[in-house]
Protein backbone atom coordinates (compact mmCIF):
# COMPACT_ATOMS: atom_id res chain seq x y z
CA MET A 1 -91.85 -118.16 130.13
CA ILE A 2 -92.16 -114.48 131.13
CA THR A 3 -95.58 -112.96 130.52
CA ALA A 4 -96.35 -109.24 130.58
CA PRO A 5 -98.28 -108.00 133.64
CA GLY A 6 -101.79 -106.64 133.11
CA ASN A 7 -102.90 -103.09 133.80
CA THR A 8 -102.44 -102.01 137.45
CA GLN A 9 -100.39 -105.18 138.09
CA GLU A 10 -96.70 -105.71 138.80
CA ARG A 11 -94.29 -108.34 137.52
CA GLU A 12 -94.35 -111.65 139.38
CA LYS A 13 -91.28 -111.72 141.66
CA ARG A 14 -91.07 -115.41 142.57
CA GLY A 15 -90.66 -118.61 140.60
CA TYR A 16 -87.64 -117.76 138.42
CA LYS A 17 -85.55 -120.88 137.87
CA PHE A 18 -82.52 -121.92 135.84
CA THR A 19 -81.26 -125.51 135.58
CA VAL A 20 -77.85 -126.42 134.15
CA GLU A 21 -78.07 -130.15 133.50
CA ASN A 22 -75.03 -130.65 131.29
CA ARG A 23 -72.84 -132.95 133.39
CA GLY A 24 -70.41 -133.73 130.58
CA ASN A 25 -68.71 -130.32 130.44
CA PHE A 26 -66.83 -127.91 132.65
CA PHE A 27 -68.01 -124.33 133.14
CA ASP A 28 -66.37 -121.08 134.18
CA TRP A 29 -68.75 -120.13 136.97
CA PHE A 30 -66.60 -117.22 138.15
CA ASN A 31 -67.27 -115.35 134.89
CA ALA A 32 -70.94 -116.36 134.59
CA PHE A 33 -73.62 -113.66 134.71
CA PHE A 34 -77.33 -113.03 134.56
CA GLU A 35 -78.70 -110.71 131.88
CA ILE A 36 -81.97 -108.86 132.40
CA GLN A 37 -83.86 -106.85 129.80
CA PHE A 38 -86.38 -104.52 131.40
CA LYS A 39 -88.33 -101.32 130.95
CA LYS A 40 -90.07 -98.89 133.29
CA ASP A 41 -93.65 -97.99 132.40
CA LEU A 42 -96.85 -96.67 133.93
CA LYS A 43 -98.52 -99.13 136.29
CA ALA A 44 -102.02 -98.08 135.22
CA ASN A 45 -101.76 -99.03 131.56
CA GLY A 46 -98.14 -99.82 130.61
CA GLY A 47 -97.84 -96.44 128.91
CA ASP A 48 -95.09 -93.86 128.53
CA ASN A 49 -93.49 -92.53 131.71
CA LEU A 50 -91.36 -89.78 130.19
CA GLU A 51 -92.54 -87.08 132.60
CA THR A 52 -92.46 -89.24 135.73
CA LEU A 53 -89.72 -88.44 138.24
CA SER A 54 -88.71 -92.03 138.96
CA THR A 55 -86.18 -94.65 137.92
CA VAL A 56 -84.62 -97.90 139.09
CA ILE A 57 -82.27 -97.71 142.07
CA ASN A 58 -78.52 -98.03 141.56
CA GLY A 59 -76.94 -101.26 140.33
CA SER A 60 -78.26 -104.33 138.51
CA HIS A 61 -77.64 -106.50 141.60
CA SER A 62 -80.57 -104.63 143.15
CA PHE A 63 -82.89 -106.80 141.03
CA ILE A 64 -82.19 -110.05 142.91
CA LYS A 65 -83.44 -110.29 146.49
CA HIS A 66 -83.11 -114.01 147.21
CA LEU A 67 -80.94 -116.63 145.52
CA MET A 68 -80.88 -120.35 146.29
CA ILE A 69 -78.56 -122.78 144.49
CA LYS A 70 -79.00 -126.53 144.60
CA SER A 71 -76.91 -129.42 143.33
CA GLY A 72 -78.13 -132.98 143.44
CA GLY A 73 -81.18 -131.80 145.38
CA LYS A 74 -79.04 -130.31 148.17
CA ILE A 75 -78.81 -126.61 148.96
CA ILE A 76 -75.27 -125.32 148.49
CA TYR A 77 -76.00 -121.58 148.64
CA ASP A 78 -78.99 -119.76 150.14
CA THR A 79 -78.87 -116.05 150.89
CA ASP A 80 -81.68 -113.53 151.41
CA ASN A 81 -81.55 -109.72 151.09
CA LEU A 82 -78.84 -110.04 148.44
CA HIS A 83 -79.82 -106.70 146.92
CA LEU A 84 -78.81 -104.91 150.13
CA VAL A 85 -75.67 -106.92 150.86
CA THR A 86 -74.27 -106.74 147.31
CA PHE A 87 -75.00 -103.02 146.96
CA THR A 88 -73.00 -102.32 150.12
CA LYS A 89 -70.18 -104.59 148.92
CA ASN A 90 -70.04 -102.85 145.53
CA LEU A 91 -70.11 -99.45 147.20
CA LEU A 92 -67.10 -100.34 149.35
CA GLU A 93 -65.02 -102.19 146.74
CA TYR A 94 -65.62 -100.43 143.41
CA SER A 95 -63.00 -97.83 142.57
CA ASP A 96 -64.07 -94.48 141.15
CA ASP A 97 -62.58 -95.38 137.76
CA TYR A 98 -64.34 -98.76 137.68
CA SER A 99 -67.63 -97.14 138.73
CA ARG A 100 -67.45 -94.71 135.82
CA SER A 101 -66.56 -97.33 133.19
CA VAL A 102 -67.05 -101.11 133.42
CA ALA A 103 -69.60 -100.95 136.24
CA THR A 104 -72.05 -98.99 134.07
CA ASN A 105 -72.73 -102.30 132.25
CA SER A 106 -74.35 -103.32 135.52
CA PHE A 107 -76.45 -100.14 135.71
CA TRP A 108 -74.06 -98.64 138.29
CA TYR A 109 -74.70 -94.87 138.31
CA LEU A 110 -74.02 -93.72 141.84
CA ASP A 111 -76.39 -91.21 143.43
CA THR A 112 -74.84 -87.84 144.24
CA GLY A 113 -77.80 -86.69 146.34
CA THR A 114 -80.79 -88.00 148.25
CA ASN A 115 -83.55 -86.48 146.12
CA ALA A 116 -85.24 -87.70 142.94
CA VAL A 117 -84.44 -84.47 141.10
CA ASP A 118 -82.24 -84.33 138.00
CA ASP A 119 -80.44 -81.09 138.92
CA GLU A 120 -79.55 -82.35 142.40
CA ASN A 121 -78.66 -85.99 141.74
CA ALA A 122 -76.42 -86.95 138.80
CA GLY A 123 -76.87 -90.68 139.35
CA PHE A 124 -80.65 -90.40 139.37
CA LYS A 125 -80.53 -88.27 136.22
CA ALA A 126 -78.37 -90.81 134.35
CA ARG A 127 -80.58 -93.75 135.30
CA ARG A 128 -83.77 -91.83 134.56
CA GLU A 129 -82.55 -90.95 131.06
CA LEU A 130 -81.89 -94.64 130.41
CA THR A 131 -85.31 -95.79 131.63
CA SER A 132 -87.65 -92.98 130.54
CA ASN A 133 -90.04 -93.26 127.59
CA ARG A 134 -90.29 -97.07 128.08
CA LYS A 135 -86.75 -97.65 126.78
CA GLN A 136 -85.54 -101.25 126.80
CA VAL A 137 -82.51 -101.60 129.07
CA ASN A 138 -80.12 -104.57 129.10
CA VAL A 139 -78.02 -105.04 132.24
CA LYS A 140 -75.57 -107.69 133.41
CA ILE A 141 -75.48 -109.15 136.91
CA PRO A 142 -72.01 -110.73 137.43
CA LEU A 143 -72.26 -113.81 139.63
CA ASN A 144 -68.77 -113.29 141.03
CA ARG A 145 -70.11 -110.55 143.32
CA TYR A 146 -71.83 -113.33 145.26
CA SER A 147 -69.52 -115.07 147.75
CA PHE A 148 -70.07 -118.61 146.43
CA PHE A 149 -68.92 -117.68 142.92
CA GLU A 150 -66.29 -115.21 144.10
CA GLU A 151 -64.42 -118.12 145.69
CA LEU A 152 -64.26 -119.90 142.31
CA GLU A 153 -61.73 -117.54 140.73
CA GLY A 154 -59.11 -119.71 139.05
CA ARG A 155 -61.00 -122.88 140.01
CA ILE A 156 -63.27 -125.26 138.14
CA LEU A 157 -66.19 -127.13 139.65
CA PRO A 158 -66.66 -130.77 138.62
CA PRO A 159 -69.47 -131.36 136.13
CA MET A 160 -72.75 -131.33 138.05
CA GLN A 161 -76.37 -130.32 137.83
CA VAL A 162 -76.87 -126.79 139.18
CA VAL A 163 -80.32 -125.32 139.89
CA PHE A 164 -80.92 -121.61 140.55
CA GLU A 165 -84.12 -120.49 142.31
CA ILE A 166 -84.54 -116.72 142.32
CA GLU A 167 -86.83 -114.14 143.89
CA LEU A 168 -86.67 -110.61 142.49
CA SER A 169 -86.96 -107.41 144.50
CA PRO A 170 -90.48 -105.90 144.68
CA ASP A 171 -91.06 -102.65 142.81
CA ALA A 172 -91.40 -100.77 146.09
CA GLU A 173 -87.73 -101.58 146.82
CA LEU A 174 -86.50 -101.39 143.23
CA LEU A 175 -87.85 -97.96 142.25
CA PHE A 176 -86.73 -94.53 143.43
CA GLY A 177 -88.86 -91.39 143.16
CA SER A 178 -92.54 -91.42 142.13
CA VAL A 179 -92.98 -95.13 142.81
CA ASP A 180 -96.79 -95.19 143.10
CA THR A 181 -97.43 -94.64 139.40
CA THR A 182 -94.61 -96.65 137.79
CA ARG A 183 -93.43 -100.26 137.67
CA VAL A 184 -90.54 -102.33 136.33
CA THR A 185 -91.44 -104.83 133.61
CA ILE A 186 -88.93 -107.59 132.85
CA ASP A 187 -89.05 -108.91 129.29
CA ARG A 188 -86.00 -111.23 129.25
CA PHE A 189 -84.03 -113.02 131.95
CA TYR A 190 -80.98 -115.09 130.93
CA LEU A 191 -78.16 -117.00 132.59
CA TRP A 192 -74.87 -117.03 130.63
CA VAL A 193 -72.14 -119.49 131.66
CA PRO A 194 -68.90 -119.85 129.63
CA LYS A 195 -68.04 -123.46 128.79
CA ILE A 196 -64.45 -124.63 129.25
CA LEU A 197 -62.79 -127.09 126.87
CA PRO A 198 -59.53 -128.03 128.66
CA LYS A 199 -56.64 -129.68 126.84
CA ASP A 200 -55.36 -133.04 128.05
CA SER A 201 -52.51 -131.50 130.05
CA LEU A 202 -54.85 -129.04 131.76
CA MET A 203 -57.33 -131.82 132.52
CA THR A 204 -54.62 -133.79 134.34
CA LYS A 205 -53.63 -130.67 136.30
CA TYR A 206 -57.26 -129.98 137.19
CA ILE A 207 -57.96 -133.49 138.46
CA SER A 208 -54.77 -133.44 140.52
CA GLY A 209 -55.65 -130.08 142.05
CA PHE A 210 -59.27 -130.96 142.71
CA GLN A 211 -58.28 -134.01 144.76
CA LYS A 212 -56.26 -131.89 147.17
CA PRO A 213 -58.05 -130.78 150.39
CA SER A 214 -59.11 -127.13 150.40
CA LYS A 215 -60.77 -124.73 152.83
């Protein structure tokens, strides 16, 4: 359960956990994603921040700092400073067309300057307009930008229990501009994973392929 922070407090950053226990079905992990609903408000009292020159930094992947994945009690993926690594990866690999279209679903509005001023930084202006006046913002965090899930394109994992343990980025690293007076409040945090219902012929092909050695 996510509870609202009190006045002068920030959102708790540790202790977020998802457990997928359904071992009787196959899932499309490559196309899975997190969804976060958040708003930016005044740290003092949760009030309106319309006049505050601040917003969230670029990209929804900036929200997640540390991600650990376990299966059967064993760690299969554990990476810190994900917000820095994934931002750099997105910056290098996103095309200009993708950045201006699909990537905006992931809050990707690239800075065009170094200052938190609307007239000098188009990316800051776009993100500030979305987060001002305590607007609720929904963003997607595609899992396939993380190396473990990126390698699963066109592949299916066997049914297994998967546990996600997540630490979010602190407000000091997540906000840009007048960071002392504002905070980021998360209201919803979901994990969406498409379920696959393979036909008999595809099931035979999958089992045959899964038994082959891979690197």
